[in-house]
Amino acid sequence: MKIIHIGGAKGVGKTTTLDYLQRLTLPSYTINTIALSTFLYDLANKRLGKNWQELDFNERATIRKSIPDEMLQLQGDAVILDSHYIDMVEGSPKLIVPVELHNWIDVHIIIEANTSEILSRRLKDQSTRKRDLNQAYINTELVAERSEATALATRFQKPIYFLYNSNFEATAYEIMTITERYLSRSRKEDNHENFISHVECC
């Protein structure tokens, strides 16, 4: 099973793009699309009978350690993880991808958009924090997402793609194409090619 992590700053259109992706089909493969935060919350309830917010530090660590095993139990050829690479904590970016997943992720995809598009989308979301409605702040998030994702991919020699999201449907198709490419290679070779040749901007 391949694990494809899709990140991007809030407001790049990631969720909408993934909605389009689920309408596309790869006849030869079964793909699960999972929101990582929801997956963690469900695991907390399943394993400990608690809400994620009720867990202490050690309990959260236990749940995070169980992620790979739980994913291996899913039926299918690939898992697409809908998440983020960073969160802004007191104005500074912090890597939030669970360490237990770092070496399990097979492909990294970053969805990007320009700051004015992101600001426009955030203004429509009443839950958006006031501090997030600032173009300089948004740009910091975009740079941090790209930087942390690149560092993680480089460290574990995994491919990384940057997709500019000018059209939801077109970006969804690009994700499907990337997914199919790696699933096809997996069946033929069952190994990874060198990371250096697979840094692409689309």
N, C-alpha and C. Protein backbone atom coordinates (compact mmCIF):
# COMPACT_ATOMS: atom_id res chain seq x y z
N MET A 1 0.83 -1.20 0.00
CA MET A 1 0.00 0.00 0.00
C MET A 1 0.87 1.25 0.00
N LYS A 2 0.53 2.21 -0.87
CA LYS A 2 1.23 3.48 -0.93
C LYS A 2 0.52 4.52 -0.07
N ILE A 3 1.30 5.37 0.58
CA ILE A 3 0.74 6.46 1.37
C ILE A 3 1.15 7.77 0.71
N ILE A 4 0.16 8.56 0.32
CA ILE A 4 0.40 9.83 -0.35
C ILE A 4 -0.11 10.94 0.55
N HIS A 5 0.80 11.79 0.99
CA HIS A 5 0.44 12.88 1.91
C HIS A 5 0.22 14.16 1.12
N ILE A 6 -0.97 14.73 1.25
CA ILE A 6 -1.29 15.97 0.54
C ILE A 6 -1.45 17.10 1.55
N GLY A 7 -0.59 18.10 1.42
CA GLY A 7 -0.62 19.24 2.33
C GLY A 7 -0.83 20.54 1.59
N GLY A 8 -0.87 21.61 2.36
CA GLY A 8 -1.06 22.94 1.80
C GLY A 8 -1.64 23.85 2.85
N ALA A 9 -1.34 25.12 2.76
CA ALA A 9 -1.87 26.08 3.72
C ALA A 9 -3.40 26.11 3.65
N LYS A 10 -4.02 26.46 4.76
CA LYS A 10 -5.48 26.55 4.79
C LYS A 10 -5.94 27.60 3.79
N GLY A 11 -6.88 27.18 2.91
CA GLY A 11 -7.40 28.10 1.91
C GLY A 11 -6.85 27.90 0.52
N VAL A 12 -5.95 26.93 0.34
CA VAL A 12 -5.43 26.68 -1.03
C VAL A 12 -6.44 25.90 -1.87
N GLY A 13 -7.49 25.41 -1.24
CA GLY A 13 -8.51 24.66 -1.98
C GLY A 13 -8.29 23.16 -1.94
N LYS A 14 -7.58 22.71 -0.93
CA LYS A 14 -7.23 21.29 -0.83
C LYS A 14 -8.47 20.40 -0.69
N THR A 15 -9.36 20.75 0.21
CA THR A 15 -10.54 19.92 0.46
C THR A 15 -11.44 19.86 -0.78
N THR A 16 -11.65 20.99 -1.43
CA THR A 16 -12.47 21.02 -2.65
C THR A 16 -11.83 20.18 -3.75
N THR A 17 -10.51 20.30 -3.87
CA THR A 17 -9.78 19.52 -4.87
C THR A 17 -9.95 18.03 -4.62
N LEU A 18 -9.84 17.62 -3.35
CA LEU A 18 -9.97 16.21 -3.02
C LEU A 18 -11.40 15.71 -3.22
N ASP A 19 -12.38 16.61 -3.10
CA ASP A 19 -13.76 16.24 -3.42
C ASP A 19 -13.86 15.89 -4.91
N TYR A 20 -13.21 16.68 -5.74
CA TYR A 20 -13.17 16.38 -7.18
C TYR A 20 -12.42 15.08 -7.43
N LEU A 21 -11.34 14.87 -6.69
CA LEU A 21 -10.54 13.66 -6.88
C LEU A 21 -11.36 12.41 -6.65
N GLN A 22 -12.25 12.45 -5.66
CA GLN A 22 -13.04 11.26 -5.35
C GLN A 22 -14.06 10.94 -6.44
N ARG A 23 -14.32 11.89 -7.32
CA ARG A 23 -15.23 11.64 -8.43
C ARG A 23 -14.52 10.96 -9.60
N LEU A 24 -13.18 11.04 -9.58
CA LEU A 24 -12.39 10.38 -10.62
C LEU A 24 -12.15 8.93 -10.22
N THR A 25 -11.89 8.09 -11.19
CA THR A 25 -11.70 6.68 -10.88
C THR A 25 -10.43 6.14 -11.52
N LEU A 26 -9.78 5.23 -10.81
CA LEU A 26 -8.68 4.45 -11.35
C LEU A 26 -9.16 2.99 -11.34
N PRO A 27 -9.67 2.51 -12.45
CA PRO A 27 -10.32 1.19 -12.50
C PRO A 27 -9.51 0.05 -11.90
N SER A 28 -8.19 0.10 -12.01
CA SER A 28 -7.35 -1.01 -11.57
C SER A 28 -6.96 -0.93 -10.10
N TYR A 29 -7.33 0.18 -9.43
CA TYR A 29 -6.85 0.40 -8.07
C TYR A 29 -7.98 0.82 -7.13
N THR A 30 -7.77 0.54 -5.84
CA THR A 30 -8.67 1.00 -4.80
C THR A 30 -7.93 2.01 -3.94
N ILE A 31 -8.48 3.22 -3.82
CA ILE A 31 -7.80 4.30 -3.11
C ILE A 31 -8.69 4.83 -2.00
N ASN A 32 -8.12 4.96 -0.80
CA ASN A 32 -8.83 5.54 0.34
C ASN A 32 -8.35 6.97 0.55
N THR A 33 -9.28 7.91 0.66
CA THR A 33 -8.93 9.30 0.98
C THR A 33 -9.35 9.56 2.43
N ILE A 34 -8.38 9.96 3.25
CA ILE A 34 -8.61 10.10 4.68
C ILE A 34 -8.15 11.46 5.18
N ALA A 35 -8.98 12.13 5.95
CA ALA A 35 -8.55 13.34 6.65
C ALA A 35 -7.78 12.87 7.89
N LEU A 36 -6.51 13.22 7.98
CA LEU A 36 -5.67 12.69 9.05
C LEU A 36 -6.20 13.05 10.43
N SER A 37 -6.70 14.26 10.60
CA SER A 37 -7.22 14.65 11.91
C SER A 37 -8.41 13.80 12.32
N THR A 38 -9.31 13.54 11.36
CA THR A 38 -10.48 12.69 11.64
C THR A 38 -10.04 11.27 11.97
N PHE A 39 -9.03 10.78 11.25
CA PHE A 39 -8.51 9.44 11.47
C PHE A 39 -7.97 9.31 12.90
N LEU A 40 -7.25 10.33 13.37
CA LEU A 40 -6.72 10.32 14.74
C LEU A 40 -7.85 10.35 15.77
N TYR A 41 -8.85 11.17 15.52
CA TYR A 41 -9.97 11.25 16.46
C TYR A 41 -10.71 9.91 16.56
N ASP A 42 -10.90 9.28 15.41
CA ASP A 42 -11.58 7.98 15.39
C ASP A 42 -10.75 6.91 16.12
N LEU A 43 -9.42 6.97 15.93
CA LEU A 43 -8.54 6.02 16.62
C LEU A 43 -8.60 6.19 18.13
N ALA A 44 -8.64 7.43 18.57
CA ALA A 44 -8.71 7.70 20.01
C ALA A 44 -9.97 7.08 20.61
N ASN A 45 -11.07 7.21 19.88
CA ASN A 45 -12.32 6.64 20.36
C ASN A 45 -12.30 5.13 20.30
N LYS A 46 -11.73 4.58 19.23
CA LYS A 46 -11.69 3.13 19.03
C LYS A 46 -10.79 2.44 20.06
N ARG A 47 -9.60 2.99 20.28
CA ARG A 47 -8.60 2.33 21.12
C ARG A 47 -8.73 2.66 22.59
N LEU A 48 -9.12 3.91 22.89
CA LEU A 48 -9.14 4.32 24.30
C LEU A 48 -10.53 4.75 24.77
N GLY A 49 -11.49 4.81 23.85
CA GLY A 49 -12.84 5.20 24.23
C GLY A 49 -12.93 6.63 24.70
N LYS A 50 -12.06 7.48 24.17
CA LYS A 50 -12.04 8.89 24.57
C LYS A 50 -12.02 9.79 23.35
N ASN A 51 -12.45 11.05 23.57
CA ASN A 51 -12.27 12.07 22.54
C ASN A 51 -10.81 12.50 22.53
N TRP A 52 -10.31 12.90 21.36
CA TRP A 52 -8.92 13.31 21.23
C TRP A 52 -8.56 14.41 22.23
N GLN A 53 -9.49 15.36 22.43
CA GLN A 53 -9.23 16.48 23.34
C GLN A 53 -9.06 16.03 24.79
N GLU A 54 -9.57 14.85 25.11
CA GLU A 54 -9.48 14.34 26.49
C GLU A 54 -8.17 13.62 26.77
N LEU A 55 -7.39 13.33 25.74
CA LEU A 55 -6.18 12.53 25.91
C LEU A 55 -5.03 13.35 26.47
N ASP A 56 -4.24 12.72 27.34
CA ASP A 56 -3.04 13.39 27.82
C ASP A 56 -1.90 13.14 26.83
N PHE A 57 -0.73 13.67 27.13
CA PHE A 57 0.41 13.60 26.20
C PHE A 57 0.75 12.15 25.85
N ASN A 58 0.85 11.29 26.86
CA ASN A 58 1.23 9.89 26.62
C ASN A 58 0.17 9.13 25.82
N GLU A 59 -1.10 9.43 26.08
CA GLU A 59 -2.18 8.76 25.35
C GLU A 59 -2.17 9.18 23.87
N ARG A 60 -1.89 10.45 23.63
CA ARG A 60 -1.82 10.91 22.24
C ARG A 60 -0.64 10.25 21.52
N ALA A 61 0.47 10.09 22.21
CA ALA A 61 1.63 9.43 21.63
C ALA A 61 1.31 7.98 21.27
N THR A 62 0.55 7.31 22.15
CA THR A 62 0.15 5.93 21.91
C THR A 62 -0.71 5.82 20.65
N ILE A 63 -1.65 6.76 20.50
CA ILE A 63 -2.53 6.75 19.32
C ILE A 63 -1.72 7.01 18.05
N ARG A 64 -0.81 7.99 18.10
CA ARG A 64 -0.01 8.28 16.92
C ARG A 64 0.84 7.08 16.50
N LYS A 65 1.38 6.35 17.48
CA LYS A 65 2.20 5.18 17.16
C LYS A 65 1.40 4.07 16.48
N SER A 66 0.10 4.10 16.68
CA SER A 66 -0.74 3.04 16.10
C SER A 66 -1.17 3.34 14.67
N ILE A 67 -0.87 4.55 14.18
CA ILE A 67 -1.34 4.95 12.85
C ILE A 67 -0.89 3.99 11.75
N PRO A 68 0.41 3.66 11.63
CA PRO A 68 0.82 2.77 10.53
C PRO A 68 0.11 1.42 10.54
N ASP A 69 0.01 0.80 11.72
CA ASP A 69 -0.67 -0.50 11.80
C ASP A 69 -2.13 -0.40 11.39
N GLU A 70 -2.78 0.68 11.81
CA GLU A 70 -4.19 0.86 11.46
C GLU A 70 -4.36 1.05 9.95
N MET A 71 -3.44 1.77 9.34
CA MET A 71 -3.54 2.00 7.90
C MET A 71 -3.31 0.73 7.11
N LEU A 72 -2.43 -0.12 7.61
CA LEU A 72 -2.16 -1.38 6.92
C LEU A 72 -3.38 -2.29 6.91
N GLN A 73 -4.31 -2.05 7.84
CA GLN A 73 -5.52 -2.87 7.89
C GLN A 73 -6.57 -2.42 6.88
N LEU A 74 -6.36 -1.23 6.30
CA LEU A 74 -7.31 -0.74 5.30
C LEU A 74 -7.18 -1.55 4.02
N GLN A 75 -8.29 -1.77 3.37
CA GLN A 75 -8.28 -2.49 2.10
C GLN A 75 -8.01 -1.50 0.98
N GLY A 76 -7.07 -1.83 0.11
CA GLY A 76 -6.83 -0.95 -1.02
C GLY A 76 -5.37 -0.88 -1.40
N ASP A 77 -5.11 -0.10 -2.45
CA ASP A 77 -3.75 0.03 -2.99
C ASP A 77 -3.05 1.28 -2.48
N ALA A 78 -3.83 2.28 -2.07
CA ALA A 78 -3.20 3.52 -1.63
C ALA A 78 -4.10 4.25 -0.64
N VAL A 79 -3.45 5.05 0.22
CA VAL A 79 -4.15 5.95 1.13
C VAL A 79 -3.70 7.37 0.79
N ILE A 80 -4.65 8.23 0.52
CA ILE A 80 -4.35 9.65 0.33
C ILE A 80 -4.71 10.36 1.62
N LEU A 81 -3.69 10.95 2.26
CA LEU A 81 -3.88 11.63 3.53
C LEU A 81 -4.09 13.12 3.30
N ASP A 82 -5.22 13.62 3.72
CA ASP A 82 -5.56 15.04 3.64
C ASP A 82 -5.12 15.68 4.95
N SER A 83 -4.09 16.52 4.90
CA SER A 83 -3.58 17.11 6.13
C SER A 83 -2.82 18.40 5.83
N HIS A 84 -1.98 18.81 6.76
CA HIS A 84 -1.08 19.95 6.59
C HIS A 84 0.30 19.52 7.06
N TYR A 85 1.31 20.23 6.61
CA TYR A 85 2.66 19.95 7.10
C TYR A 85 2.99 20.76 8.34
N ILE A 86 2.42 21.96 8.42
CA ILE A 86 2.74 22.82 9.56
C ILE A 86 1.48 23.43 10.16
N ASP A 87 1.63 23.91 11.39
CA ASP A 87 0.64 24.77 12.01
C ASP A 87 1.40 25.97 12.54
N MET A 88 0.75 27.11 12.55
CA MET A 88 1.40 28.30 13.08
C MET A 88 1.13 28.39 14.57
N VAL A 89 2.19 28.31 15.36
CA VAL A 89 2.09 28.37 16.81
C VAL A 89 2.80 29.62 17.30
N GLU A 90 2.01 30.55 17.84
CA GLU A 90 2.54 31.84 18.30
C GLU A 90 3.37 32.53 17.22
N GLY A 91 2.85 32.45 15.99
CA GLY A 91 3.48 33.14 14.88
C GLY A 91 4.60 32.41 14.18
N SER A 92 4.95 31.22 14.68
CA SER A 92 6.05 30.46 14.09
C SER A 92 5.54 29.11 13.59
N PRO A 93 6.06 28.63 12.46
CA PRO A 93 5.60 27.34 11.92
C PRO A 93 6.15 26.16 12.72
N LYS A 94 5.28 25.16 12.93
CA LYS A 94 5.68 23.94 13.64
C LYS A 94 5.24 22.73 12.81
N LEU A 95 6.18 21.83 12.54
CA LEU A 95 5.87 20.61 11.79
C LEU A 95 4.87 19.77 12.58
N ILE A 96 3.76 19.36 11.94
CA ILE A 96 2.73 18.62 12.66
C ILE A 96 2.48 17.23 12.09
N VAL A 97 3.22 16.84 11.04
CA VAL A 97 3.07 15.48 10.53
C VAL A 97 3.58 14.51 11.60
N PRO A 98 2.75 13.57 12.05
CA PRO A 98 3.20 12.64 13.11
C PRO A 98 4.50 11.96 12.73
N VAL A 99 5.46 11.95 13.66
CA VAL A 99 6.77 11.38 13.37
C VAL A 99 6.67 9.91 12.96
N GLU A 100 5.64 9.23 13.45
CA GLU A 100 5.45 7.81 13.10
C GLU A 100 5.16 7.61 11.61
N LEU A 101 4.76 8.68 10.93
CA LEU A 101 4.44 8.57 9.50
C LEU A 101 5.59 9.02 8.59
N HIS A 102 6.60 9.65 9.16
CA HIS A 102 7.64 10.27 8.34
C HIS A 102 8.23 9.32 7.31
N ASN A 103 8.59 8.12 7.73
CA ASN A 103 9.22 7.18 6.80
C ASN A 103 8.21 6.33 6.05
N TRP A 104 6.94 6.44 6.42
CA TRP A 104 5.90 5.65 5.76
C TRP A 104 5.32 6.35 4.54
N ILE A 105 5.45 7.67 4.50
CA ILE A 105 4.89 8.42 3.37
C ILE A 105 5.71 8.13 2.12
N ASP A 106 5.03 7.72 1.05
CA ASP A 106 5.71 7.36 -0.19
C ASP A 106 5.84 8.54 -1.15
N VAL A 107 4.84 9.41 -1.15
CA VAL A 107 4.83 10.56 -2.06
C VAL A 107 4.29 11.77 -1.31
N HIS A 108 4.96 12.91 -1.49
CA HIS A 108 4.52 14.18 -0.90
C HIS A 108 3.97 15.08 -2.00
N ILE A 109 2.78 15.65 -1.75
CA ILE A 109 2.18 16.59 -2.70
C ILE A 109 1.78 17.85 -1.93
N ILE A 110 2.23 19.00 -2.44
CA ILE A 110 1.86 20.28 -1.83
C ILE A 110 0.96 21.02 -2.80
N ILE A 111 -0.22 21.40 -2.35
CA ILE A 111 -1.12 22.22 -3.16
C ILE A 111 -0.89 23.67 -2.75
N GLU A 112 -0.72 24.53 -3.77
CA GLU A 112 -0.43 25.93 -3.50
C GLU A 112 -1.39 26.84 -4.26
N ALA A 113 -1.48 28.09 -3.82
CA ALA A 113 -2.28 29.11 -4.49
C ALA A 113 -1.67 30.46 -4.12
N ASN A 114 -2.09 31.52 -4.81
CA ASN A 114 -1.51 32.81 -4.44
C ASN A 114 -2.22 33.38 -3.21
N THR A 115 -1.58 34.32 -2.56
CA THR A 115 -2.08 34.81 -1.27
C THR A 115 -3.44 35.48 -1.38
N SER A 116 -3.70 36.18 -2.49
CA SER A 116 -4.99 36.86 -2.63
C SER A 116 -6.13 35.86 -2.75
N GLU A 117 -5.90 34.74 -3.47
CA GLU A 117 -6.92 33.69 -3.57
C GLU A 117 -7.19 33.07 -2.21
N ILE A 118 -6.13 32.80 -1.47
CA ILE A 118 -6.27 32.20 -0.14
C ILE A 118 -7.01 33.14 0.80
N LEU A 119 -6.65 34.41 0.77
CA LEU A 119 -7.32 35.40 1.63
C LEU A 119 -8.80 35.47 1.31
N SER A 120 -9.14 35.45 0.01
CA SER A 120 -10.53 35.50 -0.40
C SER A 120 -11.32 34.32 0.16
N ARG A 121 -10.73 33.13 0.10
CA ARG A 121 -11.40 31.93 0.61
C ARG A 121 -11.53 31.98 2.13
N ARG A 122 -10.51 32.47 2.80
CA ARG A 122 -10.55 32.55 4.27
C ARG A 122 -11.59 33.55 4.75
N LEU A 123 -11.78 34.62 4.01
CA LEU A 123 -12.76 35.63 4.40
C LEU A 123 -14.19 35.07 4.37
N LYS A 124 -14.39 34.03 3.54
CA LYS A 124 -15.71 33.40 3.45
C LYS A 124 -15.96 32.39 4.56
N ASP A 125 -14.89 32.02 5.27
CA ASP A 125 -14.98 31.03 6.34
C ASP A 125 -15.04 31.75 7.68
N GLN A 126 -16.20 31.71 8.33
CA GLN A 126 -16.38 32.45 9.58
C GLN A 126 -15.56 31.90 10.73
N SER A 127 -15.06 30.68 10.58
CA SER A 127 -14.25 30.08 11.65
C SER A 127 -12.78 30.50 11.57
N THR A 128 -12.41 31.22 10.51
CA THR A 128 -11.01 31.62 10.34
C THR A 128 -10.59 32.60 11.43
N ARG A 129 -9.43 32.34 12.02
CA ARG A 129 -8.91 33.24 13.05
C ARG A 129 -8.50 34.57 12.43
N LYS A 130 -8.69 35.66 13.17
CA LYS A 130 -8.40 36.99 12.65
C LYS A 130 -6.95 37.12 12.19
N ARG A 131 -6.03 36.51 12.93
CA ARG A 131 -4.62 36.62 12.59
C ARG A 131 -4.30 35.96 11.25
N ASP A 132 -5.18 35.04 10.81
CA ASP A 132 -4.95 34.33 9.55
C ASP A 132 -5.39 35.15 8.34
N LEU A 133 -6.03 36.30 8.58
CA LEU A 133 -6.53 37.15 7.49
C LEU A 133 -5.53 38.26 7.20
N ASN A 134 -4.33 37.86 6.91
CA ASN A 134 -3.24 38.79 6.67
C ASN A 134 -2.33 38.19 5.61
N GLN A 135 -2.10 38.93 4.52
CA GLN A 135 -1.36 38.35 3.40
C GLN A 135 0.08 37.99 3.77
N ALA A 136 0.71 38.80 4.61
CA ALA A 136 2.08 38.49 5.03
C ALA A 136 2.11 37.19 5.84
N TYR A 137 1.10 37.03 6.70
CA TYR A 137 0.99 35.83 7.53
C TYR A 137 0.75 34.61 6.63
N ILE A 138 -0.12 34.78 5.62
CA ILE A 138 -0.42 33.69 4.69
C ILE A 138 0.84 33.29 3.92
N ASN A 139 1.60 34.27 3.49
CA ASN A 139 2.83 33.97 2.75
C ASN A 139 3.81 33.18 3.61
N THR A 140 3.87 33.52 4.90
CA THR A 140 4.73 32.77 5.83
C THR A 140 4.31 31.31 5.89
N GLU A 141 2.99 31.08 5.92
CA GLU A 141 2.47 29.71 5.94
C GLU A 141 2.84 28.95 4.67
N LEU A 142 2.68 29.62 3.51
CA LEU A 142 2.98 28.99 2.23
C LEU A 142 4.45 28.57 2.15
N VAL A 143 5.32 29.48 2.56
CA VAL A 143 6.76 29.19 2.53
C VAL A 143 7.10 28.06 3.50
N ALA A 144 6.48 28.08 4.69
CA ALA A 144 6.76 27.04 5.70
C ALA A 144 6.27 25.67 5.26
N GLU A 145 5.08 25.61 4.65
CA GLU A 145 4.56 24.33 4.15
C GLU A 145 5.54 23.73 3.14
N ARG A 146 5.98 24.57 2.20
CA ARG A 146 6.90 24.11 1.16
C ARG A 146 8.24 23.69 1.77
N SER A 147 8.73 24.48 2.71
CA SER A 147 10.04 24.21 3.31
C SER A 147 10.04 22.92 4.12
N GLU A 148 9.03 22.74 4.98
CA GLU A 148 8.98 21.56 5.84
C GLU A 148 8.72 20.30 5.02
N ALA A 149 7.87 20.40 4.02
CA ALA A 149 7.59 19.24 3.16
C ALA A 149 8.84 18.83 2.40
N THR A 150 9.57 19.81 1.88
CA THR A 150 10.79 19.52 1.14
C THR A 150 11.83 18.87 2.04
N ALA A 151 11.97 19.39 3.26
CA ALA A 151 12.94 18.83 4.20
C ALA A 151 12.60 17.38 4.55
N LEU A 152 11.30 17.11 4.74
CA LEU A 152 10.87 15.75 5.08
C LEU A 152 11.10 14.80 3.91
N ALA A 153 10.75 15.23 2.72
CA ALA A 153 10.95 14.39 1.53
C ALA A 153 12.43 14.13 1.29
N THR A 154 13.24 15.14 1.47
CA THR A 154 14.68 15.00 1.26
C THR A 154 15.29 14.04 2.28
N ARG A 155 14.88 14.20 3.52
CA ARG A 155 15.43 13.36 4.59
C ARG A 155 15.21 11.88 4.31
N PHE A 156 14.03 11.53 3.81
CA PHE A 156 13.71 10.12 3.59
C PHE A 156 13.76 9.73 2.11
N GLN A 157 14.29 10.63 1.29
CA GLN A 157 14.47 10.37 -0.15
C GLN A 157 13.18 9.92 -0.82
N LYS A 158 12.15 10.73 -0.64
CA LYS A 158 10.84 10.46 -1.24
C LYS A 158 10.51 11.56 -2.26
N PRO A 159 9.73 11.25 -3.27
CA PRO A 159 9.38 12.26 -4.28
C PRO A 159 8.43 13.31 -3.72
N ILE A 160 8.53 14.52 -4.28
CA ILE A 160 7.66 15.60 -3.85
C ILE A 160 7.20 16.39 -5.06
N TYR A 161 5.93 16.79 -5.06
CA TYR A 161 5.34 17.54 -6.16
C TYR A 161 4.67 18.80 -5.62
N PHE A 162 4.81 19.90 -6.34
CA PHE A 162 4.15 21.16 -6.00
C PHE A 162 3.12 21.46 -7.08
N LEU A 163 1.86 21.52 -6.70
CA LEU A 163 0.78 21.74 -7.66
C LEU A 163 0.12 23.09 -7.40
N TYR A 164 0.19 23.98 -8.41
CA TYR A 164 -0.48 25.27 -8.27
C TYR A 164 -1.96 25.09 -8.60
N ASN A 165 -2.80 25.46 -7.66
CA ASN A 165 -4.23 25.14 -7.75
C ASN A 165 -5.02 26.27 -8.40
N SER A 166 -4.91 26.39 -9.72
CA SER A 166 -5.68 27.41 -10.43
C SER A 166 -7.05 26.88 -10.84
N ASN A 167 -7.19 25.55 -10.83
CA ASN A 167 -8.45 24.91 -11.21
C ASN A 167 -8.58 23.61 -10.41
N PHE A 168 -9.63 23.51 -9.60
CA PHE A 168 -9.80 22.35 -8.72
C PHE A 168 -9.79 21.04 -9.48
N GLU A 169 -10.58 20.99 -10.56
CA GLU A 169 -10.71 19.74 -11.31
C GLU A 169 -9.39 19.33 -11.96
N ALA A 170 -8.67 20.31 -12.51
CA ALA A 170 -7.39 20.02 -13.15
C ALA A 170 -6.37 19.54 -12.14
N THR A 171 -6.37 20.16 -10.95
CA THR A 171 -5.43 19.73 -9.90
C THR A 171 -5.76 18.33 -9.42
N ALA A 172 -7.05 18.03 -9.30
CA ALA A 172 -7.47 16.68 -8.91
C ALA A 172 -6.98 15.66 -9.93
N TYR A 173 -7.05 16.01 -11.19
CA TYR A 173 -6.59 15.10 -12.24
C TYR A 173 -5.07 14.89 -12.14
N GLU A 174 -4.33 15.96 -11.81
CA GLU A 174 -2.87 15.83 -11.64
C GLU A 174 -2.55 14.88 -10.49
N ILE A 175 -3.30 14.99 -9.40
CA ILE A 175 -3.08 14.11 -8.25
C ILE A 175 -3.36 12.66 -8.65
N MET A 176 -4.44 12.46 -9.39
CA MET A 176 -4.78 11.11 -9.84
C MET A 176 -3.67 10.55 -10.72
N THR A 177 -3.12 11.38 -11.60
CA THR A 177 -2.05 10.93 -12.50
C THR A 177 -0.80 10.54 -11.72
N ILE A 178 -0.44 11.36 -10.73
CA ILE A 178 0.73 11.05 -9.89
C ILE A 178 0.50 9.75 -9.13
N THR A 179 -0.69 9.60 -8.58
CA THR A 179 -1.03 8.40 -7.82
C THR A 179 -0.93 7.16 -8.69
N GLU A 180 -1.51 7.24 -9.87
CA GLU A 180 -1.49 6.10 -10.79
C GLU A 180 -0.05 5.76 -11.19
N ARG A 181 0.76 6.77 -11.38
CA ARG A 181 2.16 6.56 -11.77
C ARG A 181 2.90 5.72 -10.73
N TYR A 182 2.72 6.07 -9.47
CA TYR A 182 3.46 5.37 -8.42
C TYR A 182 2.87 4.00 -8.10
N LEU A 183 1.57 3.86 -8.26
CA LEU A 183 0.97 2.55 -8.06
C LEU A 183 1.41 1.60 -9.17
N SER A 184 1.49 2.11 -10.38
CA SER A 184 1.94 1.29 -11.50
C SER A 184 3.39 0.86 -11.32
N ARG A 185 4.24 1.79 -10.88
CA ARG A 185 5.64 1.44 -10.64
C ARG A 185 5.77 0.44 -9.51
N SER A 186 4.91 0.59 -8.51
CA SER A 186 4.97 -0.32 -7.37
C SER A 186 4.70 -1.75 -7.81
N ARG A 187 3.75 -1.92 -8.69
CA ARG A 187 3.43 -3.27 -9.16
C ARG A 187 4.57 -3.85 -9.98
N LYS A 188 5.27 -2.99 -10.70
CA LYS A 188 6.35 -3.47 -11.56
C LYS A 188 7.66 -3.66 -10.80
N GLU A 189 7.96 -2.72 -9.89
CA GLU A 189 9.28 -2.72 -9.26
C GLU A 189 9.25 -2.91 -7.76
N ASP A 190 8.16 -2.42 -7.13
CA ASP A 190 8.02 -2.47 -5.68
C ASP A 190 9.19 -1.80 -4.97
N ASN A 191 9.67 -0.71 -5.54
CA ASN A 191 10.67 0.10 -4.85
C ASN A 191 10.58 1.54 -5.32
N HIS A 192 11.35 2.41 -4.65
CA HIS A 192 11.33 3.83 -4.98
C HIS A 192 12.50 4.18 -5.88
N GLU A 193 12.25 5.14 -6.78
CA GLU A 193 13.35 5.69 -7.55
C GLU A 193 13.96 6.84 -6.78
N ASN A 194 15.11 7.32 -7.26
CA ASN A 194 15.82 8.37 -6.55
C ASN A 194 15.01 9.64 -6.44
N PHE A 195 14.99 10.23 -5.26
CA PHE A 195 14.21 11.44 -4.99
C PHE A 195 14.60 12.61 -5.89
N ILE A 196 15.89 12.75 -6.16
CA ILE A 196 16.39 13.94 -6.85
C ILE A 196 15.70 14.16 -8.19
N SER A 197 15.37 13.09 -8.89
CA SER A 197 14.77 13.22 -10.21
C SER A 197 13.25 13.42 -10.15
N HIS A 198 12.69 13.51 -8.94
CA HIS A 198 11.24 13.59 -8.83
C HIS A 198 10.74 14.81 -8.06
N VAL A 199 11.53 15.86 -8.04
CA VAL A 199 11.03 17.14 -7.52
C VAL A 199 10.42 17.88 -8.69
N GLU A 200 9.12 18.07 -8.67
CA GLU A 200 8.45 18.67 -9.81
C GLU A 200 7.51 19.77 -9.37
N CYS A 201 7.43 20.82 -10.16
CA CYS A 201 6.44 21.87 -9.97
C CYS A 201 5.47 21.79 -11.14
N CYS A 202 4.19 21.75 -10.82
CA CYS A 202 3.20 21.60 -11.88
C CYS A 202 2.30 22.83 -11.93
